[in-house]
Amino acid sequence: MQVQFNKNDKKDGAKGGKKTFNTILSLVAYVAIGCIAIAILLALIFKNNSSVSNAFGAVGEAIAYSICIVLAFSWVRTHRQIPWIVCYVVFVVTIVVLYILTI
């Protein structure tokens, strides 16, 4: 009995891993958008006097920034030129430092 392997077997496994990553990233983006929407809604209801609204807004923004940083990293990883990497590091450090200082 002889077993034949399809030469696309390896590629299908890679696609499954990418699908899982995209699914998880999509779920996290969905949660971030939900937090931002709730924050805006609570700000309108309580006329900008709500710490709950600020908390939801901060969580939503943090998740959104994180998603952007992860996606930008995957793009920079495929474009391995020094200027792209340097700019990415500068941008991420700037976002993290300024976000922490403004909380």
PDB file of N, CA and C in Angstrom:
ATOM      1  N   MET A   1       0.842  -1.167   0.000  1.00  0.00           N
ATOM      2  CA  MET A   1       0.000   0.000   0.000  1.00  0.00           C
ATOM      3  C   MET A   1       0.894   1.239   0.000  1.00  0.00           C
ATOM      4  N   GLN A   2       0.626   2.134  -0.911  1.00  0.00           N
ATOM      5  CA  GLN A   2       1.454   3.321  -1.068  1.00  0.00           C
ATOM      6  C   GLN A   2       0.626   4.569  -0.749  1.00  0.00           C
ATOM      7  N   VAL A   3       1.228   5.464   0.046  1.00  0.00           N
ATOM      8  CA  VAL A   3       0.548   6.690   0.441  1.00  0.00           C
ATOM      9  C   VAL A   3       1.105   7.834  -0.385  1.00  0.00           C
ATOM     10  N   GLN A   4       0.213   8.580  -0.982  1.00  0.00           N
ATOM     11  CA  GLN A   4       0.651   9.730  -1.762  1.00  0.00           C
ATOM     12  C   GLN A   4       0.292  11.002  -1.017  1.00  0.00           C
ATOM     13  N   PHE A   5       1.250  11.911  -1.012  1.00  0.00           N
ATOM     14  CA  PHE A   5       1.030  13.182  -0.346  1.00  0.00           C
ATOM     15  C   PHE A   5       0.784  14.256  -1.384  1.00  0.00           C
ATOM     16  N   ASN A   6      -0.138  15.088  -1.082  1.00  0.00           N
ATOM     17  CA  ASN A   6      -0.410  16.235  -1.936  1.00  0.00           C
ATOM     18  C   ASN A   6       0.637  17.297  -1.635  1.00  0.00           C
ATOM     19  N   LYS A   7       1.233  17.882  -2.653  1.00  0.00           N
ATOM     20  CA  LYS A   7       2.278  18.865  -2.392  1.00  0.00           C
ATOM     21  C   LYS A   7       1.727  20.164  -1.808  1.00  0.00           C
ATOM     22  N   ASN A   8       0.413  20.332  -1.754  1.00  0.00           N
ATOM     23  CA  ASN A   8      -0.186  21.523  -1.161  1.00  0.00           C
ATOM     24  C   ASN A   8      -0.542  21.317   0.308  1.00  0.00           C
ATOM     25  N   ASP A   9      -0.227  20.128   0.870  1.00  0.00           N
ATOM     26  CA  ASP A   9      -0.549  19.858   2.274  1.00  0.00           C
ATOM     27  C   ASP A   9       0.096  20.860   3.211  1.00  0.00           C
ATOM     28  N   LYS A  10       1.343  21.200   2.976  1.00  0.00           N
ATOM     29  CA  LYS A  10       2.068  22.129   3.836  1.00  0.00           C
ATOM     30  C   LYS A  10       1.450  23.532   3.768  1.00  0.00           C
ATOM     31  N   LYS A  11       1.057  23.943   2.575  1.00  0.00           N
ATOM     32  CA  LYS A  11       0.469  25.269   2.407  1.00  0.00           C
ATOM     33  C   LYS A  11      -0.865  25.377   3.118  1.00  0.00           C
ATOM     34  N   ASP A  12      -1.656  24.311   3.108  1.00  0.00           N
ATOM     35  CA  ASP A  12      -2.954  24.346   3.772  1.00  0.00           C
ATOM     36  C   ASP A  12      -2.803  24.547   5.268  1.00  0.00           C
ATOM     37  N   GLY A  13      -1.779  23.941   5.871  1.00  0.00           N
ATOM     38  CA  GLY A  13      -1.527  24.119   7.300  1.00  0.00           C
ATOM     39  C   GLY A  13      -1.162  25.553   7.614  1.00  0.00           C
ATOM     40  N   ALA A  14      -0.377  26.175   6.737  1.00  0.00           N
ATOM     41  CA  ALA A  14       0.019  27.571   6.948  1.00  0.00           C
ATOM     42  C   ALA A  14      -1.196  28.486   6.851  1.00  0.00           C
ATOM     43  N   LYS A  15      -2.097  28.181   5.926  1.00  0.00           N
ATOM     44  CA  LYS A  15      -3.300  29.000   5.789  1.00  0.00           C
ATOM     45  C   LYS A  15      -4.172  28.891   7.029  1.00  0.00           C
ATOM     46  N   GLY A  16      -4.219  27.713   7.637  1.00  0.00           N
ATOM     47  CA  GLY A  16      -5.002  27.530   8.854  1.00  0.00           C
ATOM     48  C   GLY A  16      -4.474  28.384   9.992  1.00  0.00           C
ATOM     49  N   GLY A  17      -3.150  28.477  10.124  1.00  0.00           N
ATOM     50  CA  GLY A  17      -2.549  29.303  11.162  1.00  0.00           C
ATOM     51  C   GLY A  17      -2.835  30.774  10.940  1.00  0.00           C
ATOM     52  N   LYS A  18      -2.783  31.194   9.686  1.00  0.00           N
ATOM     53  CA  LYS A  18      -3.064  32.593   9.371  1.00  0.00           C
ATOM     54  C   LYS A  18      -4.538  32.907   9.610  1.00  0.00           C
ATOM     55  N   LYS A  19      -5.405  31.949   9.301  1.00  0.00           N
ATOM     56  CA  LYS A  19      -6.835  32.138   9.544  1.00  0.00           C
ATOM     57  C   LYS A  19      -7.105  32.343  11.029  1.00  0.00           C
ATOM     58  N   THR A  20      -6.464  31.550  11.867  1.00  0.00           N
ATOM     59  CA  THR A  20      -6.660  31.665  13.310  1.00  0.00           C
ATOM     60  C   THR A  20      -6.194  33.031  13.813  1.00  0.00           C
ATOM     61  N   PHE A  21      -5.037  33.474  13.350  1.00  0.00           N
ATOM     62  CA  PHE A  21      -4.518  34.780  13.747  1.00  0.00           C
ATOM     63  C   PHE A  21      -5.476  35.884  13.328  1.00  0.00           C
ATOM     64  N   ASN A  22      -5.963  35.823  12.088  1.00  0.00           N
ATOM     65  CA  ASN A  22      -6.904  36.838  11.606  1.00  0.00           C
ATOM     66  C   ASN A  22      -8.216  36.798  12.377  1.00  0.00           C
ATOM     67  N   THR A  23      -8.673  35.613  12.734  1.00  0.00           N
ATOM     68  CA  THR A  23      -9.916  35.487  13.504  1.00  0.00           C
ATOM     69  C   THR A  23      -9.766  36.107  14.883  1.00  0.00           C
ATOM     70  N   ILE A  24      -8.665  35.812  15.548  1.00  0.00           N
ATOM     71  CA  ILE A  24      -8.426  36.384  16.877  1.00  0.00           C
ATOM     72  C   ILE A  24      -8.277  37.899  16.792  1.00  0.00           C
ATOM     73  N   LEU A  25      -7.544  38.368  15.789  1.00  0.00           N
ATOM     74  CA  LEU A  25      -7.358  39.804  15.615  1.00  0.00           C
ATOM     75  C   LEU A  25      -8.687  40.492  15.322  1.00  0.00           C
ATOM     76  N   SER A  26      -9.529  39.849  14.537  1.00  0.00           N
ATOM     77  CA  SER A  26     -10.846  40.407  14.238  1.00  0.00           C
ATOM     78  C   SER A  26     -11.705  40.489  15.488  1.00  0.00           C
ATOM     79  N   LEU A  27     -11.643  39.467  16.339  1.00  0.00           N
ATOM     80  CA  LEU A  27     -12.413  39.489  17.586  1.00  0.00           C
ATOM     81  C   LEU A  27     -11.941  40.606  18.502  1.00  0.00           C
ATOM     82  N   VAL A  28     -10.635  40.774  18.610  1.00  0.00           N
ATOM     83  CA  VAL A  28     -10.092  41.841  19.450  1.00  0.00           C
ATOM     84  C   VAL A  28     -10.496  43.208  18.900  1.00  0.00           C
ATOM     85  N   ALA A  29     -10.468  43.369  17.579  1.00  0.00           N
ATOM     86  CA  ALA A  29     -10.900  44.627  16.963  1.00  0.00           C
ATOM     87  C   ALA A  29     -12.381  44.875  17.243  1.00  0.00           C
ATOM     88  N   TYR A  30     -13.179  43.829  17.205  1.00  0.00           N
ATOM     89  CA  TYR A  30     -14.609  43.943  17.498  1.00  0.00           C
ATOM     90  C   TYR A  30     -14.824  44.435  18.929  1.00  0.00           C
ATOM     91  N   VAL A  31     -14.082  43.880  19.879  1.00  0.00           N
ATOM     92  CA  VAL A  31     -14.184  44.303  21.278  1.00  0.00           C
ATOM     93  C   VAL A  31     -13.754  45.765  21.421  1.00  0.00           C
ATOM     94  N   ALA A  32     -12.686  46.159  20.729  1.00  0.00           N
ATOM     95  CA  ALA A  32     -12.205  47.538  20.801  1.00  0.00           C
ATOM     96  C   ALA A  32     -13.258  48.510  20.285  1.00  0.00           C
ATOM     97  N   ILE A  33     -13.862  48.180  19.162  1.00  0.00           N
ATOM     98  CA  ILE A  33     -14.888  49.061  18.599  1.00  0.00           C
ATOM     99  C   ILE A  33     -16.094  49.138  19.530  1.00  0.00           C
ATOM    100  N   GLY A  34     -16.441  48.007  20.149  1.00  0.00           N
ATOM    101  CA  GLY A  34     -17.545  48.006  21.113  1.00  0.00           C
ATOM    102  C   GLY A  34     -17.252  48.911  22.303  1.00  0.00           C
ATOM    103  N   CYS A  35     -16.027  48.846  22.814  1.00  0.00           N
ATOM    104  CA  CYS A  35     -15.647  49.704  23.955  1.00  0.00           C
ATOM    105  C   CYS A  35     -15.702  51.183  23.572  1.00  0.00           C
ATOM    106  N   ILE A  36     -15.210  51.508  22.401  1.00  0.00           N
ATOM    107  CA  ILE A  36     -15.232  52.904  21.951  1.00  0.00           C
ATOM    108  C   ILE A  36     -16.665  53.382  21.760  1.00  0.00           C
ATOM    109  N   ALA A  37     -17.522  52.532  21.190  1.00  0.00           N
ATOM    110  CA  ALA A  37     -18.931  52.905  20.985  1.00  0.00           C
ATOM    111  C   ALA A  37     -19.631  53.125  22.327  1.00  0.00           C
ATOM    112  N   ILE A  38     -19.387  52.238  23.285  1.00  0.00           N
ATOM    113  CA  ILE A  38     -19.997  52.391  24.610  1.00  0.00           C
ATOM    114  C   ILE A  38     -19.496  53.670  25.279  1.00  0.00           C
ATOM    115  N   ALA A  39     -18.221  53.964  25.127  1.00  0.00           N
ATOM    116  CA  ALA A  39     -17.663  55.178  25.729  1.00  0.00           C
ATOM    117  C   ALA A  39     -18.315  56.429  25.154  1.00  0.00           C
ATOM    118  N   ILE A  40     -18.498  56.468  23.850  1.00  0.00           N
ATOM    119  CA  ILE A  40     -19.136  57.627  23.222  1.00  0.00           C
ATOM    120  C   ILE A  40     -20.592  57.738  23.665  1.00  0.00           C
ATOM    121  N   LEU A  41     -21.273  56.605  23.725  1.00  0.00           N
ATOM    122  CA  LEU A  41     -22.672  56.606  24.151  1.00  0.00           C
ATOM    123  C   LEU A  41     -22.812  57.082  25.596  1.00  0.00           C
ATOM    124  N   LEU A  42     -21.959  56.585  26.482  1.00  0.00           N
ATOM    125  CA  LEU A  42     -22.018  57.016  27.882  1.00  0.00           C
ATOM    126  C   LEU A  42     -21.643  58.493  28.038  1.00  0.00           C
ATOM    127  N   ALA A  43     -20.718  58.958  27.216  1.00  0.00           N
ATOM    128  CA  ALA A  43     -20.351  60.376  27.270  1.00  0.00           C
ATOM    129  C   ALA A  43     -21.544  61.248  26.865  1.00  0.00           C
ATOM    130  N   LEU A  44     -22.306  60.797  25.884  1.00  0.00           N
ATOM    131  CA  LEU A  44     -23.498  61.561  25.482  1.00  0.00           C
ATOM    132  C   LEU A  44     -24.593  61.495  26.548  1.00  0.00           C
ATOM    133  N   ILE A  45     -24.785  60.331  27.138  1.00  0.00           N
ATOM    134  CA  ILE A  45     -25.837  60.175  28.142  1.00  0.00           C
ATOM    135  C   ILE A  45     -25.529  61.001  29.389  1.00  0.00           C
ATOM    136  N   PHE A  46     -24.293  60.923  29.858  1.00  0.00           N
ATOM    137  CA  PHE A  46     -23.926  61.606  31.095  1.00  0.00           C
ATOM    138  C   PHE A  46     -23.281  62.965  30.857  1.00  0.00           C
ATOM    139  N   LYS A  47     -23.340  63.446  29.640  1.00  0.00           N
ATOM    140  CA  LYS A  47     -22.833  64.766  29.256  1.00  0.00           C
ATOM    141  C   LYS A  47     -21.378  64.977  29.682  1.00  0.00           C
ATOM    142  N   ASN A  48     -20.527  64.022  29.330  1.00  0.00           N
ATOM    143  CA  ASN A  48     -19.073  64.070  29.554  1.00  0.00           C
ATOM    144  C   ASN A  48     -18.664  64.087  31.030  1.00  0.00           C
ATOM    145  N   ASN A  49     -19.547  63.688  31.929  1.00  0.00           N
ATOM    146  CA  ASN A  49     -19.210  63.656  33.361  1.00  0.00           C
ATOM    147  C   ASN A  49     -19.158  62.230  33.886  1.00  0.00           C
ATOM    148  N   SER A  50     -18.603  61.317  33.125  1.00  0.00           N
ATOM    149  CA  SER A  50     -18.630  59.921  33.538  1.00  0.00           C
ATOM    150  C   SER A  50     -17.239  59.311  33.522  1.00  0.00           C
ATOM    151  N   SER A  51     -16.834  58.780  34.655  1.00  0.00           N
ATOM    152  CA  SER A  51     -15.549  58.084  34.698  1.00  0.00           C
ATOM    153  C   SER A  51     -15.667  56.715  34.024  1.00  0.00           C
ATOM    154  N   VAL A  52     -16.888  56.145  34.009  1.00  0.00           N
ATOM    155  CA  VAL A  52     -17.102  54.872  33.316  1.00  0.00           C
ATOM    156  C   VAL A  52     -16.869  55.045  31.818  1.00  0.00           C
ATOM    157  N   SER A  53     -17.365  56.143  31.278  1.00  0.00           N
ATOM    158  CA  SER A  53     -17.157  56.444  29.867  1.00  0.00           C
ATOM    159  C   SER A  53     -15.674  56.599  29.560  1.00  0.00           C
ATOM    160  N   ASN A  54     -14.950  57.284  30.436  1.00  0.00           N
ATOM    161  CA  ASN A  54     -13.507  57.447  30.246  1.00  0.00           C
ATOM    162  C   ASN A  54     -12.783  56.101  30.301  1.00  0.00           C
ATOM    163  N   ALA A  55     -13.237  55.226  31.189  1.00  0.00           N
ATOM    164  CA  ALA A  55     -12.601  53.909  31.303  1.00  0.00           C
ATOM    165  C   ALA A  55     -12.820  53.083  30.042  1.00  0.00           C
ATOM    166  N   PHE A  56     -14.069  53.051  29.540  1.00  0.00           N
ATOM    167  CA  PHE A  56     -14.339  52.319  28.302  1.00  0.00           C
ATOM    168  C   PHE A  56     -13.558  52.912  27.133  1.00  0.00           C
ATOM    169  N   GLY A  57     -13.473  54.221  27.076  1.00  0.00           N
ATOM    170  CA  GLY A  57     -12.714  54.872  26.010  1.00  0.00           C
ATOM    171  C   GLY A  57     -11.237  54.523  26.061  1.00  0.00           C
ATOM    172  N   ALA A  58     -10.675  54.510  27.272  1.00  0.00           N
ATOM    173  CA  ALA A  58      -9.257  54.176  27.426  1.00  0.00           C
ATOM    174  C   ALA A  58      -8.984  52.725  27.020  1.00  0.00           C
ATOM    175  N   VAL A  59      -9.867  51.810  27.426  1.00  0.00           N
ATOM    176  CA  VAL A  59      -9.691  50.398  27.054  1.00  0.00           C
ATOM    177  C   VAL A  59      -9.811  50.228  25.538  1.00  0.00           C
ATOM    178  N   GLY A  60     -10.814  50.853  24.952  1.00  0.00           N
ATOM    179  CA  GLY A  60     -10.990  50.759  23.500  1.00  0.00           C
ATOM    180  C   GLY A  60      -9.809  51.320  22.732  1.00  0.00           C
ATOM    181  N   GLU A  61      -9.316  52.463  23.175  1.00  0.00           N
ATOM    182  CA  GLU A  61      -8.157  53.064  22.510  1.00  0.00           C
ATOM    183  C   GLU A  61      -6.910  52.189  22.666  1.00  0.00           C
ATOM    184  N   ALA A  62      -6.697  51.652  23.850  1.00  0.00           N
ATOM    185  CA  ALA A  62      -5.523  50.801  24.077  1.00  0.00           C
ATOM    186  C   ALA A  62      -5.563  49.566  23.181  1.00  0.00           C
ATOM    187  N   ILE A  63      -6.731  48.949  23.069  1.00  0.00           N
ATOM    188  CA  ILE A  63      -6.860  47.778  22.204  1.00  0.00           C
ATOM    189  C   ILE A  63      -6.654  48.164  20.741  1.00  0.00           C
ATOM    190  N   ALA A  64      -7.234  49.279  20.329  1.00  0.00           N
ATOM    191  CA  ALA A  64      -7.082  49.723  18.938  1.00  0.00           C
ATOM    192  C   ALA A  64      -5.620  50.032  18.618  1.00  0.00           C
ATOM    193  N   TYR A  65      -4.937  50.707  19.532  1.00  0.00           N
ATOM    194  CA  TYR A  65      -3.516  50.988  19.323  1.00  0.00           C
ATOM    195  C   TYR A  65      -2.716  49.693  19.244  1.00  0.00           C
ATOM    196  N   SER A  66      -3.042  48.737  20.102  1.00  0.00           N
ATOM    197  CA  SER A  66      -2.329  47.459  20.104  1.00  0.00           C
ATOM    198  C   SER A  66      -2.505  46.722  18.784  1.00  0.00           C
ATOM    199  N   ILE A  67      -3.725  46.717  18.268  1.00  0.00           N
ATOM    200  CA  ILE A  67      -3.982  46.058  16.985  1.00  0.00           C
ATOM    201  C   ILE A  67      -3.165  46.720  15.881  1.00  0.00           C
ATOM    202  N   CYS A  68      -3.146  48.040  15.871  1.00  0.00           N
ATOM    203  CA  CYS A  68      -2.363  48.753  14.852  1.00  0.00           C
ATOM    204  C   CYS A  68      -0.878  48.442  14.967  1.00  0.00           C
ATOM    205  N   ILE A  69      -0.377  48.360  16.184  1.00  0.00           N
ATOM    206  CA  ILE A  69       1.044  48.064  16.388  1.00  0.00           C
ATOM    207  C   ILE A  69       1.370  46.651  15.902  1.00  0.00           C
ATOM    208  N   VAL A  70       0.497  45.685  16.197  1.00  0.00           N
ATOM    209  CA  VAL A  70       0.734  44.310  15.760  1.00  0.00           C
ATOM    210  C   VAL A  70       0.688  44.204  14.243  1.00  0.00           C
ATOM    211  N   LEU A  71      -0.303  44.822  13.628  1.00  0.00           N
ATOM    212  CA  LEU A  71      -0.404  44.756  12.166  1.00  0.00           C
ATOM    213  C   LEU A  71       0.757  45.473  11.495  1.00  0.00           C
ATOM    214  N   ALA A  72       1.160  46.591  12.049  1.00  0.00           N
ATOM    215  CA  ALA A  72       2.311  47.307  11.485  1.00  0.00           C
ATOM    216  C   ALA A  72       3.580  46.473  11.623  1.00  0.00           C
ATOM    217  N   PHE A  73       3.719  45.751  12.744  1.00  0.00           N
ATOM    218  CA  PHE A  73       4.886  44.896  12.921  1.00  0.00           C
ATOM    219  C   PHE A  73       4.934  43.803  11.868  1.00  0.00           C
ATOM    220  N   SER A  74       3.788  43.189  11.586  1.00  0.00           N
ATOM    221  CA  SER A  74       3.784  42.136  10.574  1.00  0.00           C
ATOM    222  C   SER A  74       4.121  42.700   9.192  1.00  0.00           C
ATOM    223  N   TRP A  75       3.727  43.929   8.919  1.00  0.00           N
ATOM    224  CA  TRP A  75       4.088  44.555   7.646  1.00  0.00           C
ATOM    225  C   TRP A  75       5.581  44.874   7.602  1.00  0.00           C
ATOM    226  N   VAL A  76       6.110  45.431   8.690  1.00  0.00           N
ATOM    227  CA  VAL A  76       7.535  45.773   8.749  1.00  0.00           C
ATOM    228  C   VAL A  76       8.389  44.512   8.654  1.00  0.00           C
ATOM    229  N   ARG A  77       7.911  43.421   9.229  1.00  0.00           N
ATOM    230  CA  ARG A  77       8.657  42.167   9.174  1.00  0.00           C
ATOM    231  C   ARG A  77       8.821  41.666   7.744  1.00  0.00           C
ATOM    232  N   THR A  78       7.851  41.938   6.873  1.00  0.00           N
ATOM    233  CA  THR A  78       7.972  41.516   5.478  1.00  0.00           C
ATOM    234  C   THR A  78       8.763  42.512   4.641  1.00  0.00           C
ATOM    235  N   HIS A  79       8.937  43.729   5.106  1.00  0.00           N
ATOM    236  CA  HIS A  79       9.714  44.766   4.406  1.00  0.00           C
ATOM    237  C   HIS A  79      10.918  45.108   5.267  1.00  0.00           C
ATOM    238  N   ARG A  80      11.956  44.341   5.171  1.00  0.00           N
ATOM    239  CA  ARG A  80      13.083  44.406   6.109  1.00  0.00           C
ATOM    240  C   ARG A  80      14.137  45.434   5.717  1.00  0.00           C
ATOM    241  N   GLN A  81      13.732  46.639   5.413  1.00  0.00           N
ATOM    242  CA  GLN A  81      14.715  47.693   5.194  1.00  0.00           C
ATOM    243  C   GLN A  81      14.856  48.501   6.480  1.00  0.00           C
ATOM    244  N   ILE A  82      16.048  48.972   6.717  1.00  0.00           N
ATOM    245  CA  ILE A  82      16.369  49.688   7.959  1.00  0.00           C
ATOM    246  C   ILE A  82      15.468  50.906   8.191  1.00  0.00           C
ATOM    247  N   PRO A  83      15.195  51.748   7.184  1.00  0.00           N
ATOM    248  CA  PRO A  83      14.339  52.916   7.460  1.00  0.00           C
ATOM    249  C   PRO A  83      12.940  52.537   7.958  1.00  0.00           C
ATOM    250  N   TRP A  84      12.359  51.463   7.411  1.00  0.00           N
ATOM    251  CA  TRP A  84      11.031  51.039   7.868  1.00  0.00           C
ATOM    252  C   TRP A  84      11.086  50.595   9.329  1.00  0.00           C
ATOM    253  N   ILE A  85      12.109  49.858   9.680  1.00  0.00           N
ATOM    254  CA  ILE A  85      12.241  49.353  11.052  1.00  0.00           C
ATOM    255  C   ILE A  85      12.463  50.501  12.031  1.00  0.00           C
ATOM    256  N   VAL A  86      13.332  51.448  11.655  1.00  0.00           N
ATOM    257  CA  VAL A  86      13.612  52.588  12.534  1.00  0.00           C
ATOM    258  C   VAL A  86      12.345  53.422  12.744  1.00  0.00           C
ATOM    259  N   CYS A  87      11.646  53.704  11.669  1.00  0.00           N
ATOM    260  CA  CYS A  87      10.400  54.483  11.781  1.00  0.00           C
ATOM    261  C   CYS A  87       9.370  53.740  12.635  1.00  0.00           C
ATOM    262  N   TYR A  88       9.268  52.434  12.453  1.00  0.00           N
ATOM    263  CA  TYR A  88       8.319  51.650  13.245  1.00  0.00           C
ATOM    264  C   TYR A  88       8.642  51.758  14.734  1.00  0.00           C
ATOM    265  N   VAL A  89       9.906  51.599  15.079  1.00  0.00           N
ATOM    266  CA  VAL A  89      10.308  51.669  16.490  1.00  0.00           C
ATOM    267  C   VAL A  89      10.024  53.057  17.054  1.00  0.00           C
ATOM    268  N   VAL A  90      10.342  54.095  16.298  1.00  0.00           N
ATOM    269  CA  VAL A  90      10.088  55.470  16.756  1.00  0.00           C
ATOM    270  C   VAL A  90       8.586  55.690  16.951  1.00  0.00           C
ATOM    271  N   PHE A  91       7.787  55.234  15.998  1.00  0.00           N
ATOM    272  CA  PHE A  91       6.334  55.420  16.096  1.00  0.00           C
ATOM    273  C   PHE A  91       5.761  54.686  17.309  1.00  0.00           C
ATOM    274  N   VAL A  92       6.174  53.441  17.520  1.00  0.00           N
ATOM    275  CA  VAL A  92       5.632  52.652  18.624  1.00  0.00           C
ATOM    276  C   VAL A  92       6.037  53.250  19.969  1.00  0.00           C
ATOM    277  N   VAL A  93       7.292  53.632  20.091  1.00  0.00           N
ATOM    278  CA  VAL A  93       7.747  54.239  21.351  1.00  0.00           C
ATOM    279  C   VAL A  93       6.989  55.544  21.612  1.00  0.00           C
ATOM    280  N   THR A  94       6.798  56.344  20.579  1.00  0.00           N
ATOM    281  CA  THR A  94       6.058  57.599  20.733  1.00  0.00           C
ATOM    282  C   THR A  94       4.628  57.343  21.193  1.00  0.00           C
ATOM    283  N   ILE A  95       3.950  56.391  20.553  1.00  0.00           N
ATOM    284  CA  ILE A  95       2.569  56.079  20.926  1.00  0.00           C
ATOM    285  C   ILE A  95       2.497  55.590  22.367  1.00  0.00           C
ATOM    286  N   VAL A  96       3.356  54.650  22.728  1.00  0.00           N
ATOM    287  CA  VAL A  96       3.308  54.077  24.076  1.00  0.00           C
ATOM    288  C   VAL A  96       3.607  55.136  25.135  1.00  0.00           C
ATOM    289  N   VAL A  97       4.646  55.917  24.936  1.00  0.00           N
ATOM    290  CA  VAL A  97       5.032  56.924  25.937  1.00  0.00           C
ATOM    291  C   VAL A  97       3.938  57.985  26.072  1.00  0.00           C
ATOM    292  N   LEU A  98       3.472  58.519  24.950  1.00  0.00           N
ATOM    293  CA  LEU A  98       2.452  59.579  25.038  1.00  0.00           C
ATOM    294  C   LEU A  98       1.128  59.048  25.561  1.00  0.00           C
ATOM    295  N   TYR A  99       0.780  57.807  25.233  1.00  0.00           N
ATOM    296  CA  TYR A  99      -0.468  57.253  25.748  1.00  0.00           C
ATOM    297  C   TYR A  99      -0.390  57.075  27.262  1.00  0.00           C
ATOM    298  N   ILE A 100       0.731  56.576  27.733  1.00  0.00           N
ATOM    299  CA  ILE A 100       0.900  56.407  29.179  1.00  0.00           C
ATOM    300  C   ILE A 100       0.889  57.755  29.891  1.00  0.00           C
ATOM    301  N   LEU A 101       1.513  58.759  29.299  1.00  0.00           N
ATOM    302  CA  LEU A 101       1.548  60.079  29.944  1.00  0.00           C
ATOM    303  C   LEU A 101       0.189  60.777  29.967  1.00  0.00           C
ATOM    304  N   THR A 102      -0.701  60.460  29.022  1.00  0.00           N
ATOM    305  CA  THR A 102      -1.991  61.136  28.958  1.00  0.00           C
ATOM    306  C   THR A 102      -3.099  60.397  29.694  1.00  0.00           C
ATOM    307  N   ILE A 103      -2.822  59.251  30.259  1.00  0.00           N
ATOM    308  CA  ILE A 103      -3.882  58.501  30.979  1.00  0.00           C
ATOM    309  C   ILE A 103      -4.237  59.208  32.263  1.00  0.00           C
TER     310      ILE A 103
END
